[in-house]
Amino acid sequence: MSIKNRQYQIIATLGPAVKNKIEALIQAGATGFRLNCSHLSWEQLSRWLIELEQAFKKRGNAMPVWLDLQGTKKRIGKLSRAMNVNRGDRLVFKNSYQQIKDEVPLPHQCIFDNINVGDEILLDDGKIRLTVTDIELTTFQTESINSGELNSFKGFVLKNYEPELSEVSDRDRSFIEQTQELKFVGYAVSYLQSADELRLFREIASHKAFAAKIEQKKAFKNLKEIAEIANMSWLCRGDLGANSEIFDLYNYEKEFASQMMMTNKPYLIAGQVLENMVTNSEPSRSEIAHLGFLIEHGFAGLVLSDETAIGKYPVQAVEFCREYFNYLMS
């Protein structure tokens, strides 16, 4: 299909930056929405879904809403406040959901069971990098390699550790069971490595649409099988970059596009697509050029994350995507 005949998707992630702005995002060109359940309580998710239903009622028809489920992705717990991490700082991680004193909460026993001195840890898509220096019974200590700000529920990656999913977590199951009767809701599953993992979610709601989030190296060995079960696939470069060597990321993009072209299923790019627009009113020139390259390689659109969830220019980010796609089709 030529570029001129495609219908491009612009999926906007909802967050604090777009509270009460759903209608503005629709007018700007959003074709769907994403809610990251890892950052939301059931009450918070319910409020967003009510606001979406009201906006769709005014519009006259609904739009796809993707609930992003955690799958095997690991995240830190709830911090008392944002932490400023400087190079050389020592951070202690404790197996808990809520922060106690100055320790960083990490509610994943499997990490404590598999961690070793010298391991590398990446937080928030690699924005903060740490090295493990000491391990005790219920905690481990790290030293920061760089600087950054750390907020609650940000992603945690232990390099070279890829846990497999044997069952859907109670939290993910609860979100599915309480929303599967909403016709406009679909589910995006994080950190998939195999088709069998996605089948676990389909068993709960086989009639619903599922998006496979590809962000682990192992998933590329099973990409065709995953795509057969999923309704669409998202290449999530933030976590993929954190889980692989940075120089390999371009090759993963090419391999993803090459395999997906043969599936006749839509595929999208996600993660730091227009990251410059989190703090600036325009994307960088390199972001514009790269987005055009991805569209030429068959990507059917993009998922905006921080750009709309917490960015300073959420509506402008959606408007830019709409205008750029219109330009490509002209």
Foldseek 3Di string as FASTA:
>chain_A
DDLLPAAFAEEEEAAPQCVVPPLLLVVLPHQEYEYECLPDDPVRVVVVVVVQVVSCVVVVHHGAYAYEDEFPWWWWAAEPFKDKAAAFDKAKEFQDRYDDDRHTHGVDVVCLVDDDAQWWKAWQLNPWIWGWHAHDDGMTMIGTHHIDMDGGGITMDTEPDQDDGPADDPSRLVVCVVCVVPQNYAYEYPRDQALVSVVRVCVSPVPGAYEYEDQAPNNLVHVLSNCVSHQEYEDAQSNNCVHDPVVCSVVVLLSNLVSVVVNPHAYEYEYVLQVVLLEDLHGDPVSLVVVVVSVVSRHRYYYYYSNQHRGPHNSSVSNVRVVSSVVSND
